[in-house]
Amino acid sequence: MVYHFRVILFESVKMQIEVETEAMHTFLDLHNVLQSSLGIPPCQMASFFVSDPMGRKKLEVSQVEMGQGKVSCRFMRKTRIGDMISADKPFIFYTFDFFNDRSLVMELTGINMEKNLREPMVRINGIESQVHLIEEIMGDEFTSRNEQQASSPGYGVVEDYYEIFGDIEELTV
């Protein structure tokens, strides 16, 4: 059984993105194909959120296993798409950049019972693509933001040490 999704990317309304995935594929399979097809940097944490028809997020499918908590959370590697998505729950929010609050919405548009896929497939403007579109859509802003985060100094580097803590001799006396 193949699920057909229409992707809504808020950065560009002119891009038409379609995703097809087998019900037996995991959310990790879908995450990997979205990353490679849309050029999302693999260093970004990502989660899927299954929502009701009103758009309220009901369940998180996370890249990291969270354990048991108050919020319903599943692990991408173990959760199959067919177990979470149905005509009653047709929307998935895919958050691929938590720091900058960037996500896309996937809407279930159809289910084909006769077709089978080996792996999820992404079509952009009707063409199966491996192009890095996120960078093209966002322009230099997206790449410069990611490069800036990667090149920022690590924790523990304090330029104004003496202004914050004073002289070491004062602390030891």
Foldseek 3Di string as FASTA:
>chain_A
DKWKKWKAFPLDPVKTKIKIFDQQAFQVLVVVQCCQQQVQDPVFWKWKFFDFPVPDGQEIAGCDDDPDDPGHYHHRVPHGNNVRDDPRGFKMWMQRHPVVRGIMIIGTDDDDPPDDDPGMFMDIPNHGGRDNNVCVSVPVVVVVVVVCVVPDDDPPDDPPVCVVPNDPVVVVD
